[in-house]
Amino acid sequence: MSALQLSFFSAFALSGLGLAFHRTHLISALLCLESMMLSMYVALSMWPIQTQTTSATLLPLLMLAFSACEAATGLALLVASTRTHGSDHLHNFNLLQC
């Protein structure tokens, strides 16, 4: 494993650990998800350069589009939950309550 691959994997793993351990606010969970997507985007962008193929150049753009949709949905949920519950603490959300 090269140093570049190790750095991408460690960035993804640290973002996953941040998502697992920082469960107090919805915004911190969204930031950890975005950093995971960013590390995957950079890794997918460097992959065709390392393998010298041109067939996989559209994969990072497709993933970036899905990441933008995920970010917009997450921020919309953040605004809606802050308006209804008054805060973005994750322990205030009860999914079983109507």
N, C-alpha and C. Protein backbone atom coordinates (compact mmCIF):
# COMPACT_ATOMS: atom_id res chain seq x y z
N MET A 1 0.85 -1.17 0.00
CA MET A 1 0.00 0.00 0.00
C MET A 1 0.90 1.23 0.00
N SER A 2 0.63 2.12 -0.92
CA SER A 2 1.46 3.31 -1.03
C SER A 2 1.06 4.33 0.04
N ALA A 3 1.87 5.35 0.17
CA ALA A 3 1.60 6.39 1.17
C ALA A 3 0.35 7.18 0.81
N LEU A 4 0.09 7.35 -0.47
CA LEU A 4 -1.10 8.07 -0.90
C LEU A 4 -2.37 7.30 -0.55
N GLN A 5 -2.37 6.00 -0.81
CA GLN A 5 -3.52 5.17 -0.46
C GLN A 5 -3.71 5.10 1.04
N LEU A 6 -2.63 5.05 1.78
CA LEU A 6 -2.71 5.01 3.23
C LEU A 6 -3.30 6.31 3.79
N SER A 7 -2.94 7.43 3.20
CA SER A 7 -3.49 8.70 3.68
C SER A 7 -4.99 8.81 3.37
N PHE A 8 -5.43 8.32 2.21
CA PHE A 8 -6.86 8.34 1.89
C PHE A 8 -7.64 7.41 2.81
N PHE A 9 -7.08 6.23 3.07
CA PHE A 9 -7.74 5.29 3.96
C PHE A 9 -7.80 5.83 5.38
N SER A 10 -6.73 6.46 5.84
CA SER A 10 -6.74 6.99 7.21
C SER A 10 -7.69 8.17 7.33
N ALA A 11 -7.82 9.00 6.29
CA ALA A 11 -8.79 10.09 6.34
C ALA A 11 -10.21 9.55 6.40
N PHE A 12 -10.49 8.50 5.63
CA PHE A 12 -11.81 7.88 5.66
C PHE A 12 -12.08 7.23 7.01
N ALA A 13 -11.09 6.55 7.55
CA ALA A 13 -11.27 5.88 8.84
C ALA A 13 -11.45 6.88 9.98
N LEU A 14 -10.70 7.97 9.96
CA LEU A 14 -10.86 8.99 11.00
C LEU A 14 -12.22 9.66 10.91
N SER A 15 -12.72 9.86 9.71
CA SER A 15 -14.06 10.42 9.56
C SER A 15 -15.12 9.46 10.07
N GLY A 16 -14.92 8.18 9.81
CA GLY A 16 -15.85 7.17 10.33
C GLY A 16 -15.82 7.09 11.85
N LEU A 17 -14.63 7.21 12.43
CA LEU A 17 -14.54 7.23 13.89
C LEU A 17 -15.19 8.48 14.47
N GLY A 18 -15.02 9.60 13.79
CA GLY A 18 -15.68 10.83 14.23
C GLY A 18 -17.18 10.70 14.17
N LEU A 19 -17.68 10.03 13.15
CA LEU A 19 -19.12 9.80 13.04
C LEU A 19 -19.62 8.87 14.14
N ALA A 20 -18.81 7.90 14.51
CA ALA A 20 -19.21 6.95 15.54
C ALA A 20 -19.18 7.56 16.94
N PHE A 21 -18.21 8.44 17.20
CA PHE A 21 -18.03 8.94 18.56
C PHE A 21 -18.67 10.30 18.83
N HIS A 22 -18.87 11.13 17.84
CA HIS A 22 -19.45 12.45 18.05
C HIS A 22 -20.92 12.44 17.64
N ARG A 23 -21.73 11.88 18.49
CA ARG A 23 -23.16 11.76 18.20
C ARG A 23 -24.00 12.76 18.97
N THR A 24 -23.45 13.89 19.33
CA THR A 24 -24.24 14.83 20.11
C THR A 24 -25.06 15.75 19.23
N HIS A 25 -24.49 16.26 18.16
CA HIS A 25 -25.19 17.20 17.29
C HIS A 25 -25.32 16.61 15.89
N LEU A 26 -26.40 16.98 15.22
CA LEU A 26 -26.63 16.53 13.86
C LEU A 26 -25.62 17.16 12.90
N ILE A 27 -25.22 18.39 13.16
CA ILE A 27 -24.28 19.07 12.28
C ILE A 27 -22.90 18.40 12.32
N SER A 28 -22.48 17.89 13.47
CA SER A 28 -21.19 17.20 13.53
C SER A 28 -21.25 15.87 12.78
N ALA A 29 -22.39 15.18 12.84
CA ALA A 29 -22.54 13.95 12.07
C ALA A 29 -22.52 14.24 10.58
N LEU A 30 -23.16 15.32 10.17
CA LEU A 30 -23.16 15.69 8.75
C LEU A 30 -21.77 16.08 8.27
N LEU A 31 -21.01 16.77 9.12
CA LEU A 31 -19.64 17.13 8.74
C LEU A 31 -18.75 15.90 8.61
N CYS A 32 -18.93 14.92 9.48
CA CYS A 32 -18.16 13.69 9.36
C CYS A 32 -18.52 12.93 8.09
N LEU A 33 -19.81 12.90 7.75
CA LEU A 33 -20.22 12.26 6.50
C LEU A 33 -19.63 12.97 5.30
N GLU A 34 -19.60 14.29 5.33
CA GLU A 34 -19.04 15.05 4.22
C GLU A 34 -17.53 14.83 4.09
N SER A 35 -16.84 14.71 5.21
CA SER A 35 -15.40 14.44 5.11
C SER A 35 -15.13 13.03 4.60
N MET A 36 -16.01 12.08 4.92
CA MET A 36 -15.89 10.74 4.34
C MET A 36 -16.08 10.78 2.84
N MET A 37 -17.07 11.53 2.39
CA MET A 37 -17.32 11.65 0.95
C MET A 37 -16.18 12.38 0.25
N LEU A 38 -15.60 13.36 0.92
CA LEU A 38 -14.48 14.09 0.32
C LEU A 38 -13.26 13.19 0.16
N SER A 39 -12.98 12.37 1.15
CA SER A 39 -11.84 11.47 1.02
C SER A 39 -12.09 10.42 -0.06
N MET A 40 -13.33 9.95 -0.19
CA MET A 40 -13.65 9.02 -1.26
C MET A 40 -13.55 9.69 -2.62
N TYR A 41 -13.97 10.96 -2.72
CA TYR A 41 -13.89 11.68 -3.98
C TYR A 41 -12.44 11.87 -4.42
N VAL A 42 -11.58 12.25 -3.51
CA VAL A 42 -10.17 12.46 -3.85
C VAL A 42 -9.52 11.13 -4.23
N ALA A 43 -9.87 10.06 -3.52
CA ALA A 43 -9.31 8.75 -3.85
C ALA A 43 -9.79 8.28 -5.23
N LEU A 44 -11.07 8.50 -5.53
CA LEU A 44 -11.57 8.11 -6.85
C LEU A 44 -11.02 9.00 -7.95
N SER A 45 -10.68 10.23 -7.63
CA SER A 45 -10.09 11.11 -8.63
C SER A 45 -8.65 10.72 -8.94
N MET A 46 -7.94 10.20 -7.96
CA MET A 46 -6.55 9.81 -8.18
C MET A 46 -6.42 8.41 -8.77
N TRP A 47 -7.46 7.60 -8.67
CA TRP A 47 -7.40 6.23 -9.14
C TRP A 47 -7.15 6.11 -10.64
N PRO A 48 -7.85 6.84 -11.53
CA PRO A 48 -7.53 6.72 -12.96
C PRO A 48 -6.13 7.23 -13.30
N ILE A 49 -5.61 8.16 -12.53
CA ILE A 49 -4.26 8.65 -12.78
C ILE A 49 -3.23 7.58 -12.43
N GLN A 50 -3.46 6.87 -11.33
CA GLN A 50 -2.52 5.83 -10.92
C GLN A 50 -2.57 4.62 -11.84
N THR A 51 -3.76 4.26 -12.31
CA THR A 51 -3.88 3.08 -13.16
C THR A 51 -3.76 3.42 -14.64
N GLN A 52 -3.71 4.68 -14.98
CA GLN A 52 -3.58 5.18 -16.34
C GLN A 52 -4.69 4.67 -17.25
N THR A 53 -5.93 4.76 -16.74
CA THR A 53 -7.10 4.42 -17.54
C THR A 53 -7.97 5.64 -17.68
N THR A 54 -8.70 5.71 -18.77
CA THR A 54 -9.61 6.84 -18.98
C THR A 54 -11.06 6.43 -18.86
N SER A 55 -11.33 5.15 -18.64
CA SER A 55 -12.71 4.68 -18.59
C SER A 55 -13.40 5.02 -17.26
N ALA A 56 -12.65 5.30 -16.22
CA ALA A 56 -13.23 5.54 -14.90
C ALA A 56 -13.17 7.01 -14.50
N THR A 57 -13.13 7.91 -15.47
CA THR A 57 -13.00 9.33 -15.11
C THR A 57 -14.34 9.95 -14.73
N LEU A 58 -15.46 9.33 -15.07
CA LEU A 58 -16.76 9.89 -14.72
C LEU A 58 -17.25 9.47 -13.34
N LEU A 59 -16.64 8.47 -12.75
CA LEU A 59 -17.06 8.01 -11.43
C LEU A 59 -16.94 9.08 -10.34
N PRO A 60 -15.85 9.86 -10.28
CA PRO A 60 -15.79 10.90 -9.25
C PRO A 60 -16.86 11.98 -9.42
N LEU A 61 -17.19 12.32 -10.66
CA LEU A 61 -18.23 13.33 -10.87
C LEU A 61 -19.60 12.81 -10.46
N LEU A 62 -19.87 11.55 -10.72
CA LEU A 62 -21.14 10.96 -10.30
C LEU A 62 -21.23 10.91 -8.78
N MET A 63 -20.14 10.53 -8.13
CA MET A 63 -20.14 10.49 -6.68
C MET A 63 -20.26 11.88 -6.07
N LEU A 64 -19.65 12.87 -6.72
CA LEU A 64 -19.76 14.25 -6.25
C LEU A 64 -21.19 14.76 -6.36
N ALA A 65 -21.89 14.36 -7.41
CA ALA A 65 -23.30 14.75 -7.55
C ALA A 65 -24.15 14.14 -6.45
N PHE A 66 -23.93 12.86 -6.16
CA PHE A 66 -24.67 12.22 -5.07
C PHE A 66 -24.30 12.82 -3.72
N SER A 67 -23.07 13.21 -3.56
CA SER A 67 -22.64 13.85 -2.31
C SER A 67 -23.31 15.20 -2.12
N ALA A 68 -23.47 15.94 -3.20
CA ALA A 68 -24.16 17.23 -3.11
C ALA A 68 -25.63 17.04 -2.76
N CYS A 69 -26.26 16.01 -3.32
CA CYS A 69 -27.65 15.71 -2.96
C CYS A 69 -27.77 15.30 -1.50
N GLU A 70 -26.81 14.53 -1.03
CA GLU A 70 -26.81 14.10 0.37
C GLU A 70 -26.63 15.28 1.31
N ALA A 71 -25.77 16.21 0.93
CA ALA A 71 -25.53 17.39 1.77
C ALA A 71 -26.77 18.28 1.81
N ALA A 72 -27.42 18.45 0.68
CA ALA A 72 -28.63 19.28 0.65
C ALA A 72 -29.75 18.65 1.47
N THR A 73 -29.90 17.34 1.38
CA THR A 73 -30.91 16.66 2.17
C THR A 73 -30.59 16.74 3.66
N GLY A 74 -29.34 16.58 4.01
CA GLY A 74 -28.94 16.67 5.41
C GLY A 74 -29.16 18.05 6.00
N LEU A 75 -28.84 19.08 5.23
CA LEU A 75 -29.06 20.44 5.73
C LEU A 75 -30.54 20.76 5.82
N ALA A 76 -31.35 20.25 4.90
CA ALA A 76 -32.80 20.45 4.99
C ALA A 76 -33.36 19.77 6.23
N LEU A 77 -32.87 18.57 6.53
CA LEU A 77 -33.30 17.88 7.75
C LEU A 77 -32.83 18.62 9.00
N LEU A 78 -31.65 19.21 8.94
CA LEU A 78 -31.14 19.98 10.07
C LEU A 78 -32.01 21.19 10.34
N VAL A 79 -32.37 21.92 9.30
CA VAL A 79 -33.22 23.10 9.47
C VAL A 79 -34.60 22.70 9.96
N ALA A 80 -35.18 21.65 9.38
CA ALA A 80 -36.51 21.22 9.80
C ALA A 80 -36.52 20.73 11.24
N SER A 81 -35.52 19.98 11.63
CA SER A 81 -35.49 19.47 13.00
C SER A 81 -35.19 20.57 14.01
N THR A 82 -34.40 21.56 13.62
CA THR A 82 -34.13 22.67 14.52
C THR A 82 -35.39 23.51 14.72
N ARG A 83 -36.17 23.66 13.67
CA ARG A 83 -37.42 24.42 13.80
C ARG A 83 -38.45 23.69 14.65
N THR A 84 -38.54 22.38 14.51
CA THR A 84 -39.57 21.65 15.25
C THR A 84 -39.15 21.32 16.68
N HIS A 85 -37.89 20.95 16.88
CA HIS A 85 -37.44 20.52 18.21
C HIS A 85 -36.69 21.59 18.98
N GLY A 86 -36.24 22.63 18.31
CA GLY A 86 -35.55 23.72 19.00
C GLY A 86 -34.04 23.56 19.11
N SER A 87 -33.51 22.39 18.80
CA SER A 87 -32.06 22.18 18.84
C SER A 87 -31.71 21.08 17.86
N ASP A 88 -30.40 20.90 17.66
CA ASP A 88 -29.96 19.84 16.76
C ASP A 88 -29.32 18.68 17.50
N HIS A 89 -29.63 18.54 18.78
CA HIS A 89 -29.11 17.40 19.55
C HIS A 89 -29.77 16.12 19.06
N LEU A 90 -28.97 15.11 18.86
CA LEU A 90 -29.51 13.86 18.32
C LEU A 90 -30.34 13.08 19.34
N HIS A 91 -30.10 13.31 20.63
CA HIS A 91 -30.88 12.57 21.62
C HIS A 91 -32.30 13.13 21.76
N ASN A 92 -32.59 14.29 21.19
CA ASN A 92 -33.94 14.85 21.23
C ASN A 92 -34.87 14.23 20.20
N PHE A 93 -34.30 13.58 19.20
CA PHE A 93 -35.12 13.03 18.12
C PHE A 93 -35.63 11.66 18.51
N ASN A 94 -36.93 11.51 18.50
CA ASN A 94 -37.56 10.23 18.76
C ASN A 94 -38.26 9.82 17.47
N LEU A 95 -37.72 8.83 16.80
CA LEU A 95 -38.27 8.44 15.50
C LEU A 95 -39.57 7.66 15.62
N LEU A 96 -39.88 7.13 16.80
CA LEU A 96 -41.10 6.37 16.97
C LEU A 96 -42.30 7.24 17.32
N GLN A 97 -42.06 8.50 17.62
CA GLN A 97 -43.12 9.41 18.00
C GLN A 97 -43.69 10.09 16.75
N CYS A 98 -45.00 10.21 16.69
CA CYS A 98 -45.63 10.85 15.52
C CYS A 98 -45.58 12.35 15.61
